[in-house]
Amino acid sequence: MKKIFGFQISINDEKICRAGFENNNSVLTCILDSIRRKNDESEELNISISGLNSDTKERARWFQNKLKEKDKISIEIISDNFDSPTSMKSPLSEKEIITRKLKTYYRLKEELKEHLEE
């Protein structure tokens, strides 16, 4: 059987979490983002450690927070002793999926109306 991998995340040498799933059918992400907005000149630095249990379609989150300049992020690849997620979200219902798709469809239809043939 293949090993299951996860991430041990530390910020400024403080251990934040040991994120990972115990099953072989999952997605684990560690996202760092730097956002700058021209219209209001706002800026953000963020970190998010989350994932998807592809067997149950549940979405898990281990950590989400703001970052600041000079923060030092460390990611170690691990294969055991994972922490439980701090939150789990149930899979979307079929109705919720259709509602989201329709919302996207109508938004894009309006945005692209000059490019569509009637």
C-alpha atoms as a PDB file:
ATOM      1  CA  MET A   1       0.000   0.000   0.000  1.00  0.00           C
ATOM      2  CA  LYS A   2       1.226   3.488  -0.859  1.00  0.00           C
ATOM      3  CA  LYS A   3       2.078   5.907   1.905  1.00  0.00           C
ATOM      4  CA  ILE A   4      -0.327   8.693   2.744  1.00  0.00           C
ATOM      5  CA  PHE A   5       1.284  12.117   2.956  1.00  0.00           C
ATOM      6  CA  GLY A   6       0.361  15.270   4.800  1.00  0.00           C
ATOM      7  CA  PHE A   7       1.882  18.596   5.822  1.00  0.00           C
ATOM      8  CA  GLN A   8       3.253  19.789   9.114  1.00  0.00           C
ATOM      9  CA  ILE A   9       2.939  23.570   9.016  1.00  0.00           C
ATOM     10  CA  SER A  10       4.865  25.963  11.224  1.00  0.00           C
ATOM     11  CA  ILE A  11       4.732  29.747  11.272  1.00  0.00           C
ATOM     12  CA  ASN A  12       7.663  31.587  12.844  1.00  0.00           C
ATOM     13  CA  ASP A  13       8.879  28.266  14.301  1.00  0.00           C
ATOM     14  CA  GLU A  14       5.529  27.617  16.041  1.00  0.00           C
ATOM     15  CA  LYS A  15       3.835  24.366  15.006  1.00  0.00           C
ATOM     16  CA  ILE A  16       0.391  25.130  13.611  1.00  0.00           C
ATOM     17  CA  CYS A  17      -0.919  21.723  12.545  1.00  0.00           C
ATOM     18  CA  ARG A  18      -0.219  18.277  11.107  1.00  0.00           C
ATOM     19  CA  ALA A  19      -2.752  18.174   8.299  1.00  0.00           C
ATOM     20  CA  GLY A  20      -3.605  15.003   6.440  1.00  0.00           C
ATOM     21  CA  PHE A  21      -6.235  12.392   5.700  1.00  0.00           C
ATOM     22  CA  GLU A  22      -6.050   8.738   6.684  1.00  0.00           C
ATOM     23  CA  ASN A  23      -7.578   7.563   3.394  1.00  0.00           C
ATOM     24  CA  ASN A  24      -6.000   7.114  -0.049  1.00  0.00           C
ATOM     25  CA  ASN A  25      -8.567   9.204  -1.915  1.00  0.00           C
ATOM     26  CA  SER A  26      -8.138  12.837  -0.890  1.00  0.00           C
ATOM     27  CA  VAL A  27      -6.766  16.244  -1.757  1.00  0.00           C
ATOM     28  CA  LEU A  28      -4.729  18.319   0.698  1.00  0.00           C
ATOM     29  CA  THR A  29      -3.794  21.944   0.035  1.00  0.00           C
ATOM     30  CA  CYS A  30      -1.662  24.593   1.661  1.00  0.00           C
ATOM     31  CA  ILE A  31      -2.387  27.921   0.008  1.00  0.00           C
ATOM     32  CA  LEU A  32      -0.466  31.122   0.586  1.00  0.00           C
ATOM     33  CA  ASP A  33      -1.846  34.188  -1.083  1.00  0.00           C
ATOM     34  CA  SER A  34      -0.858  37.809  -1.463  1.00  0.00           C
ATOM     35  CA  ILE A  35      -3.740  39.973  -2.641  1.00  0.00           C
ATOM     36  CA  ARG A  36      -3.448  43.574  -3.808  1.00  0.00           C
ATOM     37  CA  ARG A  37      -6.467  45.521  -4.978  1.00  0.00           C
ATOM     38  CA  LYS A  38      -5.968  48.520  -7.207  1.00  0.00           C
ATOM     39  CA  ASN A  39      -9.422  50.017  -6.647  1.00  0.00           C
ATOM     40  CA  ASP A  40      -9.089  50.483  -2.880  1.00  0.00           C
ATOM     41  CA  GLU A  41      -5.338  49.870  -2.495  1.00  0.00           C
ATOM     42  CA  SER A  42      -5.970  47.136   0.054  1.00  0.00           C
ATOM     43  CA  GLU A  43      -3.524  44.295   0.617  1.00  0.00           C
ATOM     44  CA  GLU A  44      -3.822  40.907   2.268  1.00  0.00           C
ATOM     45  CA  LEU A  45      -1.492  38.043   3.117  1.00  0.00           C
ATOM     46  CA  ASN A  46      -3.225  34.773   3.994  1.00  0.00           C
ATOM     47  CA  ILE A  47      -2.599  31.102   4.656  1.00  0.00           C
ATOM     48  CA  SER A  48      -5.116  28.283   4.370  1.00  0.00           C
ATOM     49  CA  ILE A  49      -4.614  24.561   5.015  1.00  0.00           C
ATOM     50  CA  SER A  50      -7.597  22.558   3.825  1.00  0.00           C
ATOM     51  CA  GLY A  51      -8.617  19.563   1.813  1.00  0.00           C
ATOM     52  CA  LEU A  52     -11.245  17.243   0.429  1.00  0.00           C
ATOM     53  CA  ASN A  53     -11.989  13.689   1.478  1.00  0.00           C
ATOM     54  CA  SER A  54     -12.836  12.420  -1.998  1.00  0.00           C
ATOM     55  CA  ASP A  55     -14.565   9.303  -0.605  1.00  0.00           C
ATOM     56  CA  THR A  56     -17.123  11.234   1.467  1.00  0.00           C
ATOM     57  CA  LYS A  57     -16.937  14.588  -0.421  1.00  0.00           C
ATOM     58  CA  GLU A  58     -16.444  16.319   2.939  1.00  0.00           C
ATOM     59  CA  ARG A  59     -14.340  19.466   2.960  1.00  0.00           C
ATOM     60  CA  ALA A  60     -11.861  19.809   5.819  1.00  0.00           C
ATOM     61  CA  ARG A  61     -10.024  22.821   7.219  1.00  0.00           C
ATOM     62  CA  TRP A  62      -7.089  22.703   9.610  1.00  0.00           C
ATOM     63  CA  PHE A  63      -6.039  26.346   9.650  1.00  0.00           C
ATOM     64  CA  GLN A  64      -6.798  29.718   8.081  1.00  0.00           C
ATOM     65  CA  ASN A  65      -5.299  33.022   9.118  1.00  0.00           C
ATOM     66  CA  LYS A  66      -3.772  36.306   8.066  1.00  0.00           C
ATOM     67  CA  LEU A  67      -0.021  36.612   7.637  1.00  0.00           C
ATOM     68  CA  LYS A  68       2.288  39.588   7.929  1.00  0.00           C
ATOM     69  CA  GLU A  69       5.530  40.629   6.327  1.00  0.00           C
ATOM     70  CA  LYS A  70       8.552  38.671   7.588  1.00  0.00           C
ATOM     71  CA  ASP A  71       6.472  35.665   8.680  1.00  0.00           C
ATOM     72  CA  LYS A  72       8.420  32.463   8.087  1.00  0.00           C
ATOM     73  CA  ILE A  73       6.346  29.535   6.824  1.00  0.00           C
ATOM     74  CA  SER A  74       7.741  26.003   7.110  1.00  0.00           C
ATOM     75  CA  ILE A  75       6.148  22.969   5.432  1.00  0.00           C
ATOM     76  CA  GLU A  76       7.384  19.467   6.246  1.00  0.00           C
ATOM     77  CA  ILE A  77       6.045  16.426   4.414  1.00  0.00           C
ATOM     78  CA  ILE A  78       4.793  13.865   6.947  1.00  0.00           C
ATOM     79  CA  SER A  79       3.069  10.480   6.744  1.00  0.00           C
ATOM     80  CA  ASP A  80       1.445   9.866  10.146  1.00  0.00           C
ATOM     81  CA  ASN A  81      -0.039  11.324  13.322  1.00  0.00           C
ATOM     82  CA  PHE A  82      -2.307  13.786  11.509  1.00  0.00           C
ATOM     83  CA  ASP A  83      -4.333  16.286  13.530  1.00  0.00           C
ATOM     84  CA  SER A  84      -8.095  16.224  13.192  1.00  0.00           C
ATOM     85  CA  PRO A  85      -9.417  19.110  11.095  1.00  0.00           C
ATOM     86  CA  THR A  86     -10.778  22.087  13.032  1.00  0.00           C
ATOM     87  CA  SER A  87     -13.862  22.050  10.807  1.00  0.00           C
ATOM     88  CA  MET A  88     -15.579  19.695   8.373  1.00  0.00           C
ATOM     89  CA  LYS A  89     -18.241  20.666   5.851  1.00  0.00           C
ATOM     90  CA  SER A  90     -20.701  18.177   4.474  1.00  0.00           C
ATOM     91  CA  PRO A  91     -20.862  17.635   0.737  1.00  0.00           C
ATOM     92  CA  LEU A  92     -23.095  19.975  -1.249  1.00  0.00           C
ATOM     93  CA  SER A  93     -26.530  18.662  -2.104  1.00  0.00           C
ATOM     94  CA  GLU A  94     -27.516  18.213  -5.741  1.00  0.00           C
ATOM     95  CA  LYS A  95     -29.795  21.248  -5.379  1.00  0.00           C
ATOM     96  CA  GLU A  96     -26.926  23.402  -4.016  1.00  0.00           C
ATOM     97  CA  ILE A  97     -24.665  22.313  -6.883  1.00  0.00           C
ATOM     98  CA  ILE A  98     -27.317  23.211  -9.494  1.00  0.00           C
ATOM     99  CA  THR A  99     -28.023  26.558  -7.770  1.00  0.00           C
ATOM    100  CA  ARG A 100     -24.307  27.470  -7.845  1.00  0.00           C
ATOM    101  CA  LYS A 101     -23.965  26.420 -11.482  1.00  0.00           C
ATOM    102  CA  LEU A 102     -27.019  28.463 -12.479  1.00  0.00           C
ATOM    103  CA  LYS A 103     -25.694  31.500 -10.618  1.00  0.00           C
ATOM    104  CA  THR A 104     -22.411  31.186 -12.529  1.00  0.00           C
ATOM    105  CA  TYR A 105     -24.270  30.627 -15.808  1.00  0.00           C
ATOM    106  CA  TYR A 106     -26.392  33.779 -15.449  1.00  0.00           C
ATOM    107  CA  ARG A 107     -23.421  35.863 -14.347  1.00  0.00           C
ATOM    108  CA  LEU A 108     -21.388  34.717 -17.363  1.00  0.00           C
ATOM    109  CA  LYS A 109     -24.346  35.122 -19.713  1.00  0.00           C
ATOM    110  CA  GLU A 110     -24.658  38.766 -18.655  1.00  0.00           C
ATOM    111  CA  GLU A 111     -20.911  39.355 -18.782  1.00  0.00           C
ATOM    112  CA  LEU A 112     -20.586  37.831 -22.255  1.00  0.00           C
ATOM    113  CA  LYS A 113     -23.892  38.981 -23.775  1.00  0.00           C
ATOM    114  CA  GLU A 114     -22.210  41.082 -26.486  1.00  0.00           C
ATOM    115  CA  HIS A 115     -20.292  38.009 -27.650  1.00  0.00           C
ATOM    116  CA  LEU A 116     -23.294  35.683 -27.815  1.00  0.00           C
ATOM    117  CA  GLU A 117     -25.400  35.153 -30.907  1.00  0.00           C
ATOM    118  CA  GLU A 118     -29.110  35.320 -30.254  1.00  0.00           C
END
